[in-house]
Amino acid sequence: MKIQFLFLLSFLSAISSLTAQENVSGTVKDDAGEPMVGVNIVVQGTTRGTTTDFDGAYSIDADGDDILVFSYIGFNTLEEPVNNRSTIDVILTEGVALDEVQIVGSRSPKRTSTDTAVPVDVIDVAEVTTQSGRIEVNELLQYAAPSFNANKQSGSDGADHIDPATLRGLGPDQTLVLINGKRRHQSSLINIFGTRGRGNTGTDLNAIPAAAIKRIEILRDGASAQYGSDAIAGVINIVLKDRTEGVSGVVSYGAYNTNADVDISDFEADDYGVWNTDGFRLDTERDG
């Protein structure tokens, strides 16, 4: 009887040692061998976790068959099985960087959006127009660009025809407007009475049809510094479509928008016509 009891006690002790959690510690470094601070370490399938300290060290309780998940912003997530180890040192590799090249005000070539230390907005006009139904430049910038404001005025001198727009709350004439990188002239209207930008002369953005615009680039703060005092509020660079082999037209009516494209590469007077007419609702996705 005593032998059976001792055997049962030994068996239970073995099971307890298999299921007991052990402390796992180690360090997390990057590709250059530098310690990483603030890396999240979580036991997979649980809410138990910790973070690395200033030396890249960590300590966590885990079972021998658990999996530790190491994650950090900008780096690839790593899953490391414990395999009954008490020390696990790992190296995290950087994630894939964005390769979309964007134009910024630093004049630095091949600068990407992830490297940009200054605010730069690149707005796809066709996408915004399709999603929001806005067809005027002021309206779509109000919808898509932060710190841009433009409201229709009524009963206030010539602002019935030219909507004054502001960037970052500054006057309309403190925003430099470019067309394909070249200065766009200001309007001859001086805003008076109760209009926005009182006493200023801004640029009439609505004079440029949205259908002719490929994208709009907005530079603020440090990105617009090279343009001088004309760009105290920022720079709005309107990039037009570069298509030259055809003629495009857009007709908007209510919630619908119709595009007509005419290919004039082989144009002859007797063959005049519209080869492609595409009608679609602005609040739905286009097929194809």
Protein backbone atom coordinates (compact mmCIF):
# COMPACT_ATOMS: atom_id res chain seq x y z
CA MET A 1 0.00 0.00 0.00
CA LYS A 2 2.81 2.38 0.88
CA ILE A 3 4.54 1.63 -2.44
CA GLN A 4 1.35 2.41 -4.38
CA PHE A 5 0.94 5.69 -2.52
CA LEU A 6 4.52 6.74 -3.26
CA PHE A 7 4.05 5.83 -6.93
CA LEU A 8 0.85 7.92 -7.15
CA LEU A 9 2.55 10.86 -5.44
CA SER A 10 5.47 10.71 -7.87
CA PHE A 11 3.09 10.54 -10.83
CA LEU A 12 1.13 13.62 -9.68
CA SER A 13 4.37 15.52 -9.10
CA ALA A 14 5.50 14.74 -12.63
CA ILE A 15 2.19 16.00 -14.09
CA SER A 16 2.40 19.15 -11.99
CA SER A 17 5.91 19.87 -13.23
CA LEU A 18 4.79 19.45 -16.85
CA THR A 19 1.87 21.86 -16.55
CA ALA A 20 3.50 24.48 -14.32
CA GLN A 21 4.43 27.78 -15.90
CA GLU A 22 8.08 28.73 -16.01
CA ASN A 23 9.66 32.14 -16.30
CA VAL A 24 11.01 32.89 -19.76
CA SER A 25 13.37 35.83 -20.24
CA GLY A 26 15.58 37.23 -22.96
CA THR A 27 16.35 40.25 -25.10
CA VAL A 28 14.93 41.69 -28.32
CA LYS A 29 17.22 43.42 -30.83
CA ASP A 30 16.93 44.80 -34.35
CA ASP A 31 18.97 43.91 -37.43
CA ALA A 32 21.77 46.22 -36.32
CA GLY A 33 22.01 44.51 -32.93
CA GLU A 34 20.55 47.46 -31.04
CA PRO A 35 18.16 46.75 -28.12
CA MET A 36 14.53 47.54 -28.90
CA VAL A 37 12.42 49.34 -26.30
CA GLY A 38 8.67 48.78 -25.98
CA VAL A 39 8.36 45.56 -28.00
CA ASN A 40 5.11 43.74 -27.19
CA ILE A 41 5.43 40.09 -26.16
CA VAL A 42 2.22 38.09 -25.78
CA VAL A 43 1.59 34.41 -25.11
CA GLN A 44 -0.37 33.31 -28.18
CA GLY A 45 -4.05 32.67 -27.49
CA THR A 46 -3.99 34.48 -24.12
CA THR A 47 -4.06 38.02 -22.79
CA ARG A 48 -0.83 37.46 -20.85
CA GLY A 49 1.94 39.71 -22.07
CA THR A 50 4.71 42.16 -21.32
CA THR A 51 7.02 44.70 -23.02
CA THR A 52 10.77 45.12 -23.26
CA ASP A 53 12.59 47.63 -21.07
CA PHE A 54 15.26 50.19 -22.04
CA ASP A 55 17.81 47.40 -22.44
CA GLY A 56 15.53 45.37 -24.70
CA ALA A 57 15.06 42.78 -21.94
CA TYR A 58 11.81 41.05 -21.03
CA SER A 59 10.46 38.41 -18.65
CA ILE A 60 7.20 36.48 -18.91
CA ASP A 61 5.60 33.34 -17.47
CA ALA A 62 4.81 30.71 -20.09
CA ASP A 63 4.27 26.97 -20.46
CA GLY A 64 6.78 24.82 -22.24
CA ASP A 65 4.50 24.33 -25.25
CA ASP A 66 3.40 27.98 -25.54
CA ILE A 67 4.24 30.31 -28.41
CA LEU A 68 5.50 33.84 -27.78
CA VAL A 69 4.44 36.54 -30.25
CA PHE A 70 6.82 39.51 -30.63
CA SER A 71 5.40 42.61 -32.35
CA TYR A 72 6.49 46.21 -32.89
CA ILE A 73 5.31 48.96 -35.22
CA GLY A 74 7.34 48.99 -38.43
CA PHE A 75 8.76 45.51 -37.85
CA ASN A 76 7.63 42.05 -38.89
CA THR A 77 5.76 40.09 -36.22
CA LEU A 78 7.69 37.06 -34.96
CA GLU A 79 6.21 33.88 -33.44
CA GLU A 80 8.71 31.93 -31.34
CA PRO A 81 7.85 28.54 -29.69
CA VAL A 82 9.02 28.24 -26.08
CA ASN A 83 9.99 24.55 -26.35
CA ASN A 84 10.70 24.36 -22.61
CA ARG A 85 13.43 27.02 -22.88
CA SER A 86 14.02 29.55 -20.13
CA THR A 87 15.99 32.04 -22.25
CA ILE A 88 14.85 33.23 -25.67
CA ASP A 89 16.71 35.99 -27.50
CA VAL A 90 15.16 37.20 -30.76
CA ILE A 91 15.95 39.62 -33.59
CA LEU A 92 13.13 41.53 -35.30
CA THR A 93 13.44 42.53 -38.94
CA GLU A 94 12.04 45.72 -40.42
CA GLY A 95 8.78 45.52 -42.35
CA VAL A 96 8.42 46.28 -46.03
CA ALA A 97 8.59 50.05 -46.60
CA LEU A 98 6.18 51.90 -48.86
CA ASP A 99 7.64 52.55 -52.29
CA GLU A 100 5.16 55.18 -53.50
CA VAL A 101 7.18 58.27 -54.36
CA GLN A 102 5.56 61.56 -53.48
CA ILE A 103 6.65 65.11 -54.26
CA VAL A 104 7.52 67.13 -51.15
CA GLY A 105 8.91 70.59 -50.56
CA SER A 106 12.36 69.44 -49.50
CA ARG A 107 13.65 69.03 -53.09
CA SER A 108 15.02 65.69 -51.94
CA PRO A 109 14.70 63.11 -54.75
CA LYS A 110 13.04 59.73 -54.19
CA ARG A 111 11.47 60.80 -50.91
CA THR A 112 8.66 58.50 -49.77
CA SER A 113 5.63 59.16 -47.61
CA THR A 114 7.11 57.16 -44.73
CA ASP A 115 10.21 59.36 -44.69
CA THR A 116 8.33 62.64 -44.75
CA ALA A 117 8.73 64.68 -41.59
CA VAL A 118 6.35 67.40 -42.77
CA PRO A 119 2.64 67.23 -43.62
CA VAL A 120 2.03 66.44 -47.29
CA ASP A 121 -1.37 65.45 -48.69
CA VAL A 122 -1.80 63.85 -52.11
CA ILE A 123 -5.47 63.70 -53.13
CA ASP A 124 -6.70 61.52 -55.98
CA VAL A 125 -9.42 63.73 -57.44
CA ALA A 126 -11.15 60.97 -59.43
CA GLU A 127 -11.49 58.80 -56.33
CA VAL A 128 -12.79 61.60 -54.10
CA THR A 129 -15.25 62.77 -56.76
CA THR A 130 -16.64 59.26 -57.22
CA GLN A 131 -16.98 58.58 -53.49
CA SER A 132 -18.32 61.94 -52.34
CA GLY A 133 -20.19 63.35 -55.34
CA ARG A 134 -18.38 66.67 -55.06
CA ILE A 135 -17.41 68.15 -58.42
CA GLU A 136 -16.04 71.57 -57.44
CA VAL A 137 -12.43 71.86 -56.32
CA ASN A 138 -13.31 73.80 -53.17
CA GLU A 139 -15.91 71.20 -52.17
CA LEU A 140 -13.68 68.17 -52.67
CA LEU A 141 -10.77 69.81 -50.83
CA GLN A 142 -13.11 70.68 -47.96
CA TYR A 143 -14.09 66.99 -47.89
CA ALA A 144 -10.63 65.43 -48.23
CA ALA A 145 -8.02 67.88 -46.93
CA PRO A 146 -7.52 68.75 -43.26
CA SER A 147 -7.40 72.44 -42.30
CA PHE A 148 -8.90 73.52 -45.65
CA ASN A 149 -12.11 75.54 -45.38
CA ALA A 150 -14.36 76.95 -48.08
CA ASN A 151 -18.03 77.84 -47.72
CA LYS A 152 -20.40 79.27 -50.27
CA GLN A 153 -21.27 82.89 -49.51
CA SER A 154 -24.48 84.68 -50.39
CA GLY A 155 -25.38 88.36 -50.28
CA SER A 156 -21.75 89.37 -49.77
CA ASP A 157 -20.41 91.31 -52.77
CA GLY A 158 -18.70 89.17 -55.45
CA ALA A 159 -18.28 86.16 -53.18
CA ASP A 160 -21.53 84.91 -54.71
CA HIS A 161 -19.39 84.00 -57.73
CA ILE A 162 -15.98 83.34 -56.15
CA ASP A 163 -15.85 81.32 -52.94
CA PRO A 164 -12.94 82.46 -50.74
CA ALA A 165 -11.01 79.49 -49.36
CA THR A 166 -8.52 79.32 -46.50
CA LEU A 167 -5.80 76.89 -45.45
CA ARG A 168 -4.92 76.53 -41.77
CA GLY A 169 -7.24 79.45 -40.95
CA LEU A 170 -5.03 82.03 -42.66
CA GLY A 171 -6.08 84.46 -45.38
CA PRO A 172 -6.89 83.30 -48.93
CA ASP A 173 -3.97 85.31 -50.36
CA GLN A 174 -1.51 83.56 -48.04
CA THR A 175 -1.94 80.25 -49.87
CA LEU A 176 0.18 79.77 -52.98
CA VAL A 177 -1.73 77.98 -55.76
CA LEU A 178 0.25 76.23 -58.49
CA ILE A 179 -0.86 74.54 -61.71
CA ASN A 180 1.59 71.79 -62.64
CA GLY A 181 4.16 73.55 -60.47
CA LYS A 182 3.61 77.01 -61.98
CA ARG A 183 1.97 79.94 -60.23
CA ARG A 184 -1.77 80.45 -60.74
CA HIS A 185 -2.89 84.08 -60.81
CA GLN A 186 -5.19 85.43 -58.11
CA SER A 187 -8.66 86.74 -58.81
CA SER A 188 -9.38 90.47 -59.04
CA LEU A 189 -12.02 90.30 -56.29
CA ILE A 190 -11.19 91.81 -52.91
CA ASN A 191 -13.28 90.16 -50.21
CA ILE A 192 -15.14 92.72 -48.11
CA PHE A 193 -18.21 92.88 -45.90
CA GLY A 194 -18.77 89.67 -43.96
CA THR A 195 -16.98 87.20 -46.20
CA ARG A 196 -14.23 84.78 -45.24
CA GLY A 197 -10.74 86.27 -45.68
CA ARG A 198 -11.92 89.85 -45.45
CA GLY A 199 -9.58 92.25 -47.25
CA ASN A 200 -7.82 89.43 -49.10
CA THR A 201 -7.61 88.49 -52.76
CA GLY A 202 -7.50 84.74 -53.23
CA THR A 203 -7.37 82.32 -56.14
CA ASP A 204 -10.60 81.03 -57.67
CA LEU A 205 -10.04 77.27 -57.44
CA ASN A 206 -13.49 76.49 -58.83
CA ALA A 207 -12.42 78.00 -62.16
CA ILE A 208 -10.46 74.78 -62.73
CA PRO A 209 -12.75 71.86 -63.65
CA ALA A 210 -12.26 68.83 -61.42
CA ALA A 211 -12.54 66.58 -64.49
CA ALA A 212 -9.25 68.02 -65.78
CA ILE A 213 -7.34 67.36 -62.54
CA LYS A 214 -5.28 64.24 -61.93
CA ARG A 215 -4.33 64.91 -58.33
CA ILE A 216 -3.90 67.75 -55.84
CA GLU A 217 -0.83 68.09 -53.62
CA ILE A 218 -1.05 70.19 -50.45
CA LEU A 219 2.15 71.23 -48.67
CA ARG A 220 2.15 72.86 -45.24
CA ASP A 221 4.63 73.96 -42.59
CA GLY A 222 8.18 72.87 -43.44
CA ALA A 223 7.17 71.41 -46.79
CA SER A 224 6.16 74.84 -48.09
CA ALA A 225 9.06 76.78 -46.55
CA GLN A 226 11.06 76.94 -49.79
CA TYR A 227 8.27 78.90 -51.49
CA GLY A 228 8.75 81.90 -49.21
CA SER A 229 6.25 84.42 -47.86
CA ASP A 230 3.72 83.71 -50.61
CA ALA A 231 3.11 80.32 -49.00
CA ILE A 232 2.68 81.24 -45.33
CA ALA A 233 -0.45 79.09 -45.11
CA GLY A 234 0.85 76.44 -47.51
CA VAL A 235 0.99 75.40 -51.15
CA ILE A 236 -1.77 73.83 -53.25
CA ASN A 237 -0.27 72.26 -56.38
CA ILE A 238 -2.91 71.13 -58.88
CA VAL A 239 -1.58 68.49 -61.27
CA LEU A 240 -3.63 68.28 -64.47
CA LYS A 241 -4.23 65.14 -66.48
CA ASP A 242 -1.54 64.53 -69.08
CA ARG A 243 -3.73 62.84 -71.66
CA THR A 244 -3.25 64.34 -75.12
CA GLU A 245 -4.76 61.82 -77.51
CA GLY A 246 -8.40 62.46 -76.69
CA VAL A 247 -11.06 64.86 -75.49
CA SER A 248 -13.04 64.25 -72.29
CA GLY A 249 -16.29 65.76 -71.10
CA VAL A 250 -18.28 65.41 -67.90
CA VAL A 251 -21.96 66.16 -67.35
CA SER A 252 -23.34 66.07 -63.79
CA TYR A 253 -27.02 65.97 -62.98
CA GLY A 254 -28.34 65.23 -59.51
CA ALA A 255 -26.79 62.06 -58.15
CA TYR A 256 -25.49 60.98 -61.55
CA ASN A 257 -22.33 61.72 -63.47
CA THR A 258 -21.70 60.94 -67.16
CA ASN A 259 -18.29 60.84 -68.77
CA ALA A 260 -17.77 61.07 -72.53
CA ASP A 261 -14.39 60.25 -74.03
CA VAL A 262 -13.58 60.95 -77.69
CA ASP A 263 -10.49 59.34 -79.18
CA ILE A 264 -9.07 61.80 -81.71
CA SER A 265 -5.86 59.95 -82.53
CA ASP A 266 -7.42 58.84 -85.85
CA PHE A 267 -9.97 61.63 -86.02
CA GLU A 268 -11.65 62.47 -89.30
CA ALA A 269 -14.46 64.92 -89.84
CA ASP A 270 -16.81 62.26 -91.21
CA ASP A 271 -16.18 59.93 -88.26
CA TYR A 272 -17.09 62.36 -85.48
CA GLY A 273 -18.84 60.67 -82.58
CA VAL A 274 -18.66 59.54 -79.00
CA TRP A 275 -17.03 56.14 -78.72
CA ASN A 276 -17.34 55.66 -74.98
CA THR A 277 -20.07 57.01 -72.74
CA ASP A 278 -20.04 55.84 -69.15
CA GLY A 279 -22.88 56.82 -66.80
CA PHE A 280 -22.77 55.93 -63.12
CA ARG A 281 -24.05 57.02 -59.73
CA LEU A 282 -21.58 58.98 -57.69
CA ASP A 283 -22.37 57.07 -54.50
CA THR A 284 -21.70 53.62 -55.97
CA GLU A 285 -18.55 51.91 -57.11
CA ARG A 286 -17.83 51.76 -60.80
CA ASP A 287 -17.46 48.35 -62.45
CA GLY A 288 -14.21 47.69 -64.25
